[in-house]
Each structure stands twice: as C-alpha cells, then as structure tokens.
Amino acid sequence: MVIFESMWGNTAAIAHAIARGFGAGAAALTTDQATPSRLERARLVVAGSPVHALGLPTEVSRASAAAKNQPGSIPADTTHPAMREWLAAVPTGPRLYAAFETRIVGPLGHGAATAISRALTGAGYEQPGPPTYFTVAMRQRTQEPAAMLLPGQEQHAFEWGIRLRLLLNNLV
C-alpha cells in the first residue's frame, strides 16, 4: 500500500509509479483513502509526502500553498488530510514500511521522509532500507503546477517499486 500527500500531483505521480512497479495487489492511496481497516491488510506500507520547509507539510504551509493559488493557475489540492495527521492516527505494527519524499533539491539529511520514518518506527513498523527522494523543479505559476517532476523521476519510482517488491519477497 502506497500512501501519499500531494498538492500539485507530483507526489501522487510518484506514488502511482511505485505501486505500478510493485505490481499486482499494490494500491496508491491518498491519506483519507488509507483507512486503518485497509492498512491492516498491508504487509508493506510505503508513505510519501512533499517537503515543505525541510520537513512534512504543516497546516500553515498547506494554507500558504492554497493561498498562493492565482486565477488561471492549477490550485494546490489540500482536500486530503496532511501526512502529518495520517501518521498521528496510524495503527501500530508490526509491519514493514518504506518512506519517500518529493523535493526541489538533492539530499537534505532531514526532510519529510525522515519525519515519516520516525513516526512509523515509533508505531512499531520496521524499515528494511533507507528512505528515498524524488526531485521536482520549481515553475512559474501559470497554467502549470508550481513544481514539476524532473525527467526520469517516475521511472526511478517504478524501479524502486520493483526493488521493494523483491525485498518484501525475500523477507517473507
């Protein structure tokens, strides 16, 4: 199960590519679709979010993104609960997990994936490998989203999904 928070579709695109790479039985779900009852059936939880101010989006950063919506621009989608809220209510493990984030620069050391990892580890989940990240480029706010995935990022996510499936199969 791949759970995501996405405002302009980049993290959603990555989540769907990971699920396609994982193969049959994998689903990419928004935070409101990933209910505790659905999560109970998952052997592996993959969670991802965009990075805001070097961490998980907050209600303030989400409101700021929504406030920047301009006529003719693609608005930020803040209709789903924040990953931060989803993590606060996640059922306890044991379960395996992987974390990812979308960001505008390379490795930061701390970011959304680190916060996701801390929360899921605290809930009794086990992470068999390090988190990963996918890069976006900022764009002008016109008819396009504020940020756009760099070329090759969806393929990278698809391949990561394959590696996660192989890892899970080797651990079971």
N, C-alpha and C. Protein backbone atom coordinates (compact mmCIF):
# COMPACT_ATOMS: atom_id res chain seq x y z
N MET A 1 0.84 -1.16 0.00
CA MET A 1 0.00 0.00 0.00
C MET A 1 0.89 1.23 0.00
N VAL A 2 0.66 2.13 -0.96
CA VAL A 2 1.44 3.37 -1.06
C VAL A 2 0.51 4.51 -0.67
N ILE A 3 0.82 5.20 0.41
CA ILE A 3 0.01 6.29 0.92
C ILE A 3 0.74 7.59 0.66
N PHE A 4 0.00 8.61 0.20
CA PHE A 4 0.67 9.86 -0.15
C PHE A 4 -0.16 11.09 0.17
N GLU A 5 0.57 12.19 0.36
CA GLU A 5 0.01 13.54 0.39
C GLU A 5 0.59 14.24 -0.82
N SER A 6 -0.25 14.89 -1.61
CA SER A 6 0.22 15.56 -2.81
C SER A 6 -0.62 16.81 -3.04
N MET A 7 0.02 17.90 -3.40
CA MET A 7 -0.71 19.14 -3.66
C MET A 7 -0.83 19.48 -5.13
N TRP A 8 0.22 19.25 -5.89
CA TRP A 8 0.19 19.57 -7.31
C TRP A 8 0.35 18.33 -8.19
N GLY A 9 0.25 17.17 -7.60
CA GLY A 9 0.25 15.93 -8.37
C GLY A 9 1.59 15.24 -8.51
N ASN A 10 2.67 15.87 -8.10
CA ASN A 10 3.99 15.24 -8.25
C ASN A 10 4.15 14.03 -7.33
N THR A 11 3.81 14.18 -6.07
CA THR A 11 3.94 13.07 -5.13
C THR A 11 2.96 11.97 -5.49
N ALA A 12 1.78 12.36 -5.98
CA ALA A 12 0.79 11.37 -6.43
C ALA A 12 1.33 10.57 -7.61
N ALA A 13 1.97 11.24 -8.56
CA ALA A 13 2.53 10.54 -9.72
C ALA A 13 3.61 9.55 -9.28
N ILE A 14 4.43 9.96 -8.32
CA ILE A 14 5.48 9.06 -7.80
C ILE A 14 4.83 7.87 -7.10
N ALA A 15 3.82 8.11 -6.28
CA ALA A 15 3.14 7.03 -5.56
C ALA A 15 2.53 6.02 -6.53
N HIS A 16 1.91 6.50 -7.58
CA HIS A 16 1.30 5.59 -8.56
C HIS A 16 2.38 4.80 -9.32
N ALA A 17 3.51 5.44 -9.61
CA ALA A 17 4.61 4.73 -10.29
C ALA A 17 5.19 3.65 -9.38
N ILE A 18 5.32 3.94 -8.09
CA ILE A 18 5.82 2.93 -7.14
C ILE A 18 4.86 1.74 -7.12
N ALA A 19 3.56 2.02 -7.03
CA ALA A 19 2.56 0.94 -7.00
C ALA A 19 2.61 0.11 -8.28
N ARG A 20 2.77 0.76 -9.43
CA ARG A 20 2.88 0.01 -10.70
C ARG A 20 4.12 -0.88 -10.68
N GLY A 21 5.23 -0.36 -10.16
CA GLY A 21 6.46 -1.14 -10.09
C GLY A 21 6.32 -2.31 -9.14
N PHE A 22 5.61 -2.10 -8.04
CA PHE A 22 5.40 -3.19 -7.08
C PHE A 22 4.57 -4.30 -7.71
N GLY A 23 3.60 -3.92 -8.51
CA GLY A 23 2.82 -4.92 -9.25
C GLY A 23 1.47 -5.23 -8.64
N ALA A 24 0.95 -6.39 -9.01
CA ALA A 24 -0.40 -6.81 -8.62
C ALA A 24 -0.59 -6.72 -7.11
N GLY A 25 -1.73 -6.20 -6.74
CA GLY A 25 -2.06 -6.10 -5.33
C GLY A 25 -1.65 -4.80 -4.68
N ALA A 26 -0.82 -4.00 -5.33
CA ALA A 26 -0.39 -2.72 -4.76
C ALA A 26 -1.40 -1.64 -5.13
N ALA A 27 -1.60 -0.70 -4.22
CA ALA A 27 -2.52 0.40 -4.46
C ALA A 27 -1.88 1.69 -3.97
N ALA A 28 -2.08 2.78 -4.71
CA ALA A 28 -1.65 4.11 -4.28
C ALA A 28 -2.89 4.83 -3.77
N LEU A 29 -2.83 5.28 -2.51
CA LEU A 29 -3.98 5.86 -1.85
C LEU A 29 -3.65 7.21 -1.22
N THR A 30 -4.59 8.13 -1.27
CA THR A 30 -4.44 9.38 -0.55
C THR A 30 -4.58 9.09 0.95
N THR A 31 -4.22 10.05 1.76
CA THR A 31 -4.27 9.85 3.21
C THR A 31 -5.68 9.55 3.71
N ASP A 32 -6.71 10.08 3.07
CA ASP A 32 -8.06 9.76 3.53
C ASP A 32 -8.55 8.41 3.03
N GLN A 33 -7.96 7.90 1.96
CA GLN A 33 -8.33 6.57 1.46
C GLN A 33 -7.64 5.46 2.26
N ALA A 34 -6.51 5.76 2.87
CA ALA A 34 -5.71 4.76 3.60
C ALA A 34 -6.22 4.65 5.04
N THR A 35 -7.39 4.07 5.16
CA THR A 35 -8.03 3.92 6.47
C THR A 35 -7.33 2.82 7.28
N PRO A 36 -7.50 2.84 8.58
CA PRO A 36 -6.89 1.78 9.41
C PRO A 36 -7.32 0.38 8.98
N SER A 37 -8.57 0.20 8.58
CA SER A 37 -9.01 -1.14 8.17
C SER A 37 -8.32 -1.59 6.89
N ARG A 38 -8.07 -0.68 5.96
CA ARG A 38 -7.33 -1.04 4.74
C ARG A 38 -5.87 -1.32 5.06
N LEU A 39 -5.33 -0.56 5.99
CA LEU A 39 -3.93 -0.70 6.35
C LEU A 39 -3.66 -2.04 7.04
N GLU A 40 -4.62 -2.55 7.76
CA GLU A 40 -4.46 -3.82 8.48
C GLU A 40 -4.06 -4.96 7.55
N ARG A 41 -4.46 -4.91 6.30
CA ARG A 41 -4.17 -5.98 5.34
C ARG A 41 -2.81 -5.83 4.67
N ALA A 42 -2.17 -4.68 4.85
CA ALA A 42 -0.90 -4.41 4.15
C ALA A 42 0.29 -5.03 4.86
N ARG A 43 1.13 -5.73 4.10
CA ARG A 43 2.39 -6.25 4.65
C ARG A 43 3.48 -5.19 4.60
N LEU A 44 3.38 -4.32 3.60
CA LEU A 44 4.34 -3.23 3.42
C LEU A 44 3.57 -1.94 3.21
N VAL A 45 3.93 -0.92 3.98
CA VAL A 45 3.35 0.41 3.83
C VAL A 45 4.45 1.32 3.28
N VAL A 46 4.17 1.96 2.17
CA VAL A 46 5.08 2.94 1.58
C VAL A 46 4.40 4.29 1.74
N ALA A 47 5.03 5.24 2.42
CA ALA A 47 4.41 6.54 2.69
C ALA A 47 5.29 7.65 2.15
N GLY A 48 4.64 8.65 1.52
CA GLY A 48 5.40 9.75 0.94
C GLY A 48 4.67 11.07 0.98
N SER A 49 5.46 12.12 0.94
CA SER A 49 4.94 13.47 1.05
C SER A 49 5.90 14.44 0.38
N PRO A 50 5.40 15.62 -0.01
CA PRO A 50 6.34 16.65 -0.45
C PRO A 50 7.06 17.24 0.77
N VAL A 51 8.17 17.88 0.52
CA VAL A 51 8.91 18.58 1.57
C VAL A 51 8.46 20.03 1.59
N HIS A 52 8.12 20.52 2.77
CA HIS A 52 7.83 21.94 3.00
C HIS A 52 8.74 22.40 4.12
N ALA A 53 9.52 23.42 3.88
CA ALA A 53 10.40 23.98 4.91
C ALA A 53 11.23 22.89 5.60
N LEU A 54 11.82 22.00 4.81
CA LEU A 54 12.70 20.94 5.25
C LEU A 54 12.02 19.83 6.05
N GLY A 55 10.71 19.72 5.98
CA GLY A 55 10.01 18.67 6.71
C GLY A 55 8.65 18.38 6.10
N LEU A 56 7.82 17.71 6.89
CA LEU A 56 6.46 17.42 6.45
C LEU A 56 5.66 18.71 6.34
N PRO A 57 4.73 18.78 5.38
CA PRO A 57 3.86 19.95 5.33
C PRO A 57 3.10 20.12 6.64
N THR A 58 2.91 21.36 7.02
CA THR A 58 2.12 21.69 8.21
C THR A 58 0.83 22.34 7.74
N GLU A 59 -0.09 22.54 8.64
CA GLU A 59 -1.32 23.24 8.27
C GLU A 59 -1.02 24.64 7.76
N VAL A 60 -0.01 25.30 8.34
CA VAL A 60 0.37 26.63 7.91
C VAL A 60 0.94 26.60 6.49
N SER A 61 1.84 25.63 6.21
CA SER A 61 2.43 25.58 4.86
C SER A 61 1.39 25.17 3.82
N ARG A 62 0.45 24.30 4.20
CA ARG A 62 -0.62 23.90 3.28
C ARG A 62 -1.54 25.09 3.00
N ALA A 63 -1.87 25.86 4.03
CA ALA A 63 -2.72 27.04 3.84
C ALA A 63 -2.01 28.08 2.98
N SER A 64 -0.71 28.21 3.19
CA SER A 64 0.08 29.15 2.38
C SER A 64 0.08 28.73 0.91
N ALA A 65 0.23 27.43 0.66
CA ALA A 65 0.20 26.93 -0.73
C ALA A 65 -1.15 27.21 -1.36
N ALA A 66 -2.21 26.98 -0.62
CA ALA A 66 -3.56 27.21 -1.15
C ALA A 66 -3.81 28.70 -1.37
N ALA A 67 -3.27 29.54 -0.50
CA ALA A 67 -3.47 30.99 -0.62
C ALA A 67 -2.75 31.56 -1.84
N LYS A 68 -1.72 30.87 -2.32
CA LYS A 68 -0.96 31.36 -3.47
C LYS A 68 -1.63 31.01 -4.79
N ASN A 69 -2.74 30.28 -4.72
CA ASN A 69 -3.46 29.95 -5.95
C ASN A 69 -3.89 31.24 -6.63
N GLN A 70 -3.62 31.33 -7.91
CA GLN A 70 -3.95 32.51 -8.69
C GLN A 70 -4.89 32.12 -9.82
N PRO A 71 -5.71 33.06 -10.27
CA PRO A 71 -6.58 32.75 -11.41
C PRO A 71 -5.75 32.23 -12.59
N GLY A 72 -6.22 31.14 -13.18
CA GLY A 72 -5.51 30.56 -14.32
C GLY A 72 -4.44 29.56 -13.93
N SER A 73 -4.09 29.50 -12.63
CA SER A 73 -3.07 28.53 -12.22
C SER A 73 -3.76 27.26 -11.74
N ILE A 74 -2.99 26.19 -11.68
CA ILE A 74 -3.52 24.94 -11.13
C ILE A 74 -3.46 25.09 -9.62
N PRO A 75 -4.59 24.98 -8.93
CA PRO A 75 -4.59 25.19 -7.48
C PRO A 75 -3.97 24.03 -6.71
N ALA A 76 -3.45 24.34 -5.55
CA ALA A 76 -2.93 23.30 -4.65
C ALA A 76 -4.11 22.50 -4.13
N ASP A 77 -3.98 21.18 -4.11
CA ASP A 77 -5.02 20.30 -3.60
C ASP A 77 -4.76 20.05 -2.13
N THR A 78 -5.55 20.68 -1.29
CA THR A 78 -5.42 20.48 0.16
C THR A 78 -6.70 19.82 0.71
N THR A 79 -7.38 19.07 -0.15
CA THR A 79 -8.64 18.44 0.26
C THR A 79 -8.43 17.17 1.07
N HIS A 80 -7.26 16.58 1.01
CA HIS A 80 -6.97 15.36 1.76
C HIS A 80 -6.23 15.72 3.05
N PRO A 81 -6.38 14.93 4.08
CA PRO A 81 -5.63 15.20 5.32
C PRO A 81 -4.12 15.20 5.05
N ALA A 82 -3.42 15.99 5.83
CA ALA A 82 -1.96 16.04 5.72
C ALA A 82 -1.36 14.71 6.16
N MET A 83 -0.20 14.36 5.62
CA MET A 83 0.51 13.15 6.02
C MET A 83 0.77 13.18 7.53
N ARG A 84 1.05 14.34 8.05
CA ARG A 84 1.30 14.51 9.49
C ARG A 84 0.09 14.01 10.29
N GLU A 85 -1.11 14.34 9.86
CA GLU A 85 -2.34 13.89 10.54
C GLU A 85 -2.50 12.38 10.40
N TRP A 86 -2.25 11.87 9.19
CA TRP A 86 -2.39 10.44 8.95
C TRP A 86 -1.44 9.65 9.85
N LEU A 87 -0.21 10.12 9.95
CA LEU A 87 0.79 9.45 10.78
C LEU A 87 0.40 9.45 12.26
N ALA A 88 -0.24 10.51 12.70
CA ALA A 88 -0.63 10.61 14.11
C ALA A 88 -1.69 9.56 14.47
N ALA A 89 -2.43 9.08 13.47
CA ALA A 89 -3.51 8.12 13.73
C ALA A 89 -3.22 6.72 13.18
N VAL A 90 -2.01 6.49 12.70
CA VAL A 90 -1.69 5.21 12.06
C VAL A 90 -1.77 4.06 13.08
N PRO A 91 -2.37 2.93 12.68
CA PRO A 91 -2.41 1.78 13.60
C PRO A 91 -1.00 1.26 13.87
N THR A 92 -0.80 0.69 15.02
CA THR A 92 0.53 0.19 15.36
C THR A 92 0.86 -1.07 14.58
N GLY A 93 2.17 -1.37 14.50
CA GLY A 93 2.67 -2.52 13.76
C GLY A 93 2.44 -3.81 14.50
N PRO A 94 3.15 -4.86 14.20
CA PRO A 94 4.35 -4.86 13.35
C PRO A 94 3.99 -4.90 11.86
N ARG A 95 4.79 -4.21 11.10
CA ARG A 95 4.59 -4.11 9.66
C ARG A 95 5.88 -3.52 9.08
N LEU A 96 6.14 -3.78 7.84
CA LEU A 96 7.29 -3.17 7.16
C LEU A 96 6.85 -1.86 6.52
N TYR A 97 7.81 -0.95 6.37
CA TYR A 97 7.49 0.31 5.69
C TYR A 97 8.69 0.82 4.90
N ALA A 98 8.38 1.70 3.97
CA ALA A 98 9.38 2.46 3.23
C ALA A 98 8.87 3.89 3.16
N ALA A 99 9.77 4.85 3.13
CA ALA A 99 9.38 6.26 3.11
C ALA A 99 10.03 6.96 1.92
N PHE A 100 9.30 7.94 1.37
CA PHE A 100 9.85 8.74 0.28
C PHE A 100 9.33 10.17 0.39
N GLU A 101 9.98 11.05 -0.36
CA GLU A 101 9.56 12.44 -0.42
C GLU A 101 9.84 13.00 -1.81
N THR A 102 9.13 14.07 -2.12
CA THR A 102 9.43 14.85 -3.32
C THR A 102 9.97 16.19 -2.84
N ARG A 103 11.05 16.67 -3.50
CA ARG A 103 11.72 17.89 -3.07
C ARG A 103 12.36 18.60 -4.25
N ILE A 104 12.74 19.83 -4.03
CA ILE A 104 13.31 20.62 -5.12
C ILE A 104 14.83 20.58 -5.17
N VAL A 105 15.46 19.96 -4.20
CA VAL A 105 16.93 19.85 -4.19
C VAL A 105 17.32 18.43 -3.84
N GLY A 106 18.60 18.15 -3.92
CA GLY A 106 19.12 16.82 -3.59
C GLY A 106 19.04 16.51 -2.11
N PRO A 107 19.81 15.55 -1.63
CA PRO A 107 19.73 15.10 -0.24
C PRO A 107 19.85 16.24 0.77
N LEU A 108 18.95 16.22 1.75
CA LEU A 108 18.92 17.26 2.77
C LEU A 108 19.39 16.78 4.14
N GLY A 109 19.33 15.50 4.38
CA GLY A 109 19.64 14.97 5.71
C GLY A 109 18.38 14.82 6.54
N HIS A 110 17.55 15.83 6.57
CA HIS A 110 16.26 15.77 7.25
C HIS A 110 15.22 16.26 6.26
N GLY A 111 14.07 15.68 6.31
CA GLY A 111 13.01 16.08 5.39
C GLY A 111 11.74 15.34 5.73
N ALA A 112 10.83 15.29 4.80
CA ALA A 112 9.56 14.61 5.02
C ALA A 112 9.76 13.12 5.27
N ALA A 113 10.64 12.49 4.49
CA ALA A 113 10.86 11.04 4.65
C ALA A 113 11.43 10.70 6.02
N THR A 114 12.27 11.57 6.56
CA THR A 114 12.81 11.35 7.90
C THR A 114 11.70 11.41 8.94
N ALA A 115 10.81 12.38 8.81
CA ALA A 115 9.68 12.51 9.74
C ALA A 115 8.74 11.31 9.61
N ILE A 116 8.50 10.86 8.40
CA ILE A 116 7.66 9.68 8.17
C ILE A 116 8.31 8.47 8.83
N SER A 117 9.61 8.32 8.64
CA SER A 117 10.34 7.18 9.22
C SER A 117 10.25 7.18 10.75
N ARG A 118 10.44 8.33 11.34
CA ARG A 118 10.36 8.42 12.81
C ARG A 118 8.97 8.00 13.31
N ALA A 119 7.94 8.51 12.65
CA ALA A 119 6.57 8.21 13.10
C ALA A 119 6.24 6.73 12.93
N LEU A 120 6.60 6.15 11.80
CA LEU A 120 6.27 4.74 11.57
C LEU A 120 7.11 3.81 12.44
N THR A 121 8.37 4.16 12.67
CA THR A 121 9.19 3.37 13.59
C THR A 121 8.59 3.44 14.99
N GLY A 122 8.14 4.61 15.38
CA GLY A 122 7.50 4.77 16.68
C GLY A 122 6.21 3.98 16.82
N ALA A 123 5.56 3.69 15.69
CA ALA A 123 4.32 2.90 15.70
C ALA A 123 4.61 1.41 15.62
N GLY A 124 5.89 1.02 15.66
CA GLY A 124 6.25 -0.40 15.66
C GLY A 124 6.51 -0.99 14.28
N TYR A 125 6.64 -0.13 13.27
CA TYR A 125 6.93 -0.61 11.92
C TYR A 125 8.45 -0.73 11.76
N GLU A 126 8.88 -1.56 10.82
CA GLU A 126 10.30 -1.76 10.57
C GLU A 126 10.64 -1.36 9.15
N GLN A 127 11.71 -0.59 9.01
CA GLN A 127 12.14 -0.11 7.70
C GLN A 127 13.34 -0.94 7.23
N PRO A 128 13.17 -1.76 6.19
CA PRO A 128 14.27 -2.61 5.74
C PRO A 128 15.32 -1.90 4.90
N GLY A 129 15.08 -0.66 4.50
CA GLY A 129 16.04 0.08 3.69
C GLY A 129 15.88 1.57 3.91
N PRO A 130 16.82 2.37 3.43
CA PRO A 130 16.75 3.81 3.66
C PRO A 130 15.62 4.46 2.87
N PRO A 131 15.15 5.63 3.33
CA PRO A 131 14.15 6.36 2.55
C PRO A 131 14.76 6.84 1.24
N THR A 132 13.91 7.23 0.33
CA THR A 132 14.41 7.77 -0.93
C THR A 132 13.69 9.05 -1.26
N TYR A 133 14.20 9.76 -2.24
CA TYR A 133 13.59 11.03 -2.62
C TYR A 133 13.51 11.14 -4.13
N PHE A 134 12.61 12.01 -4.56
CA PHE A 134 12.38 12.27 -5.97
C PHE A 134 12.38 13.78 -6.14
N THR A 135 12.96 14.25 -7.23
CA THR A 135 13.22 15.68 -7.39
C THR A 135 12.25 16.35 -8.35
N VAL A 136 11.83 17.55 -7.95
CA VAL A 136 10.97 18.39 -8.79
C VAL A 136 11.70 19.69 -9.06
N ALA A 137 11.28 20.39 -10.11
CA ALA A 137 11.82 21.71 -10.43
C ALA A 137 10.71 22.73 -10.24
N MET A 138 11.04 23.86 -9.66
CA MET A 138 10.04 24.92 -9.48
C MET A 138 9.71 25.53 -10.84
N ARG A 139 8.46 25.95 -10.99
CA ARG A 139 8.00 26.55 -12.23
C ARG A 139 7.30 27.86 -11.92
N GLN A 140 7.12 28.65 -12.96
CA GLN A 140 6.33 29.87 -12.81
C GLN A 140 4.88 29.47 -12.62
N ARG A 141 4.16 30.19 -11.82
CA ARG A 141 2.73 29.91 -11.61
C ARG A 141 1.93 30.46 -12.78
N THR A 142 1.76 29.63 -13.77
CA THR A 142 0.93 30.00 -14.91
C THR A 142 -0.16 28.94 -15.02
N GLN A 143 -0.30 28.35 -16.18
CA GLN A 143 -1.27 27.29 -16.36
C GLN A 143 -0.74 25.96 -15.87
N GLU A 144 0.45 25.94 -15.28
CA GLU A 144 1.09 24.71 -14.86
C GLU A 144 1.21 24.66 -13.35
N PRO A 145 1.47 23.48 -12.79
CA PRO A 145 1.69 23.39 -11.34
C PRO A 145 2.93 24.19 -10.93
N ALA A 146 3.03 24.48 -9.63
CA ALA A 146 4.16 25.24 -9.11
C ALA A 146 5.47 24.48 -9.26
N ALA A 147 5.42 23.16 -9.26
CA ALA A 147 6.61 22.34 -9.39
C ALA A 147 6.29 21.18 -10.32
N MET A 148 7.33 20.69 -10.98
CA MET A 148 7.14 19.60 -11.93
C MET A 148 8.27 18.58 -11.74
N LEU A 149 7.91 17.30 -11.80
CA LEU A 149 8.93 16.25 -11.66
C LEU A 149 10.00 16.39 -12.73
N LEU A 150 11.23 16.20 -12.34
CA LEU A 150 12.32 16.20 -13.32
C LEU A 150 12.22 14.93 -14.17
N PRO A 151 12.75 14.97 -15.39
CA PRO A 151 12.70 13.78 -16.25
C PRO A 151 13.35 12.58 -15.55
N GLY A 152 12.73 11.43 -15.73
CA GLY A 152 13.26 10.18 -15.19
C GLY A 152 12.81 9.84 -13.78
N GLN A 153 12.15 10.77 -13.10
CA GLN A 153 11.77 10.51 -11.71
C GLN A 153 10.67 9.45 -11.59
N GLU A 154 9.71 9.45 -12.51
CA GLU A 154 8.67 8.42 -12.45
C GLU A 154 9.26 7.04 -12.75
N GLN A 155 10.21 6.97 -13.66
CA GLN A 155 10.88 5.69 -13.94
C GLN A 155 11.66 5.23 -12.72
N HIS A 156 12.33 6.17 -12.07
CA HIS A 156 13.06 5.85 -10.84
C HIS A 156 12.10 5.30 -9.78
N ALA A 157 10.91 5.89 -9.67
CA ALA A 157 9.91 5.42 -8.70
C ALA A 157 9.40 4.02 -9.07
N PHE A 158 9.17 3.79 -10.35
CA PHE A 158 8.72 2.48 -10.84
C PHE A 158 9.76 1.42 -10.47
N GLU A 159 11.03 1.72 -10.72
CA GLU A 159 12.11 0.77 -10.41
C GLU A 159 12.25 0.56 -8.90
N TRP A 160 12.03 1.60 -8.12
CA TRP A 160 12.07 1.46 -6.67
C TRP A 160 10.94 0.54 -6.21
N GLY A 161 9.76 0.67 -6.83
CA GLY A 161 8.65 -0.23 -6.53
C GLY A 161 9.01 -1.69 -6.79
N ILE A 162 9.71 -1.94 -7.89
CA ILE A 162 10.17 -3.30 -8.19
C ILE A 162 11.12 -3.79 -7.10
N ARG A 163 12.09 -2.93 -6.72
CA ARG A 163 13.04 -3.32 -5.67
C ARG A 163 12.34 -3.59 -4.34
N LEU A 164 11.33 -2.78 -4.03
CA LEU A 164 10.58 -3.01 -2.78
C LEU A 164 9.85 -4.35 -2.82
N ARG A 165 9.27 -4.70 -3.97
CA ARG A 165 8.59 -5.99 -4.09
C ARG A 165 9.58 -7.13 -3.89
N LEU A 166 10.75 -7.04 -4.53
CA LEU A 166 11.76 -8.08 -4.39
C LEU A 166 12.26 -8.18 -2.95
N LEU A 167 12.44 -7.04 -2.32
CA LEU A 167 12.86 -7.02 -0.92
C LEU A 167 11.81 -7.69 -0.04
N LEU A 168 10.56 -7.35 -0.24
CA LEU A 168 9.49 -7.94 0.55
C LEU A 168 9.43 -9.45 0.33
N ASN A 169 9.56 -9.88 -0.92
CA ASN A 169 9.52 -11.32 -1.21
C ASN A 169 10.68 -12.06 -0.55
N ASN A 170 11.83 -11.43 -0.46
CA ASN A 170 13.00 -12.05 0.18
C ASN A 170 12.87 -12.08 1.69
N LEU A 171 12.09 -11.17 2.27
CA LEU A 171 11.94 -11.13 3.72
C LEU A 171 10.83 -12.05 4.21
N VAL A 172 9.93 -12.42 3.33
CA VAL A 172 8.79 -13.23 3.75
C VAL A 172 9.09 -14.70 3.57
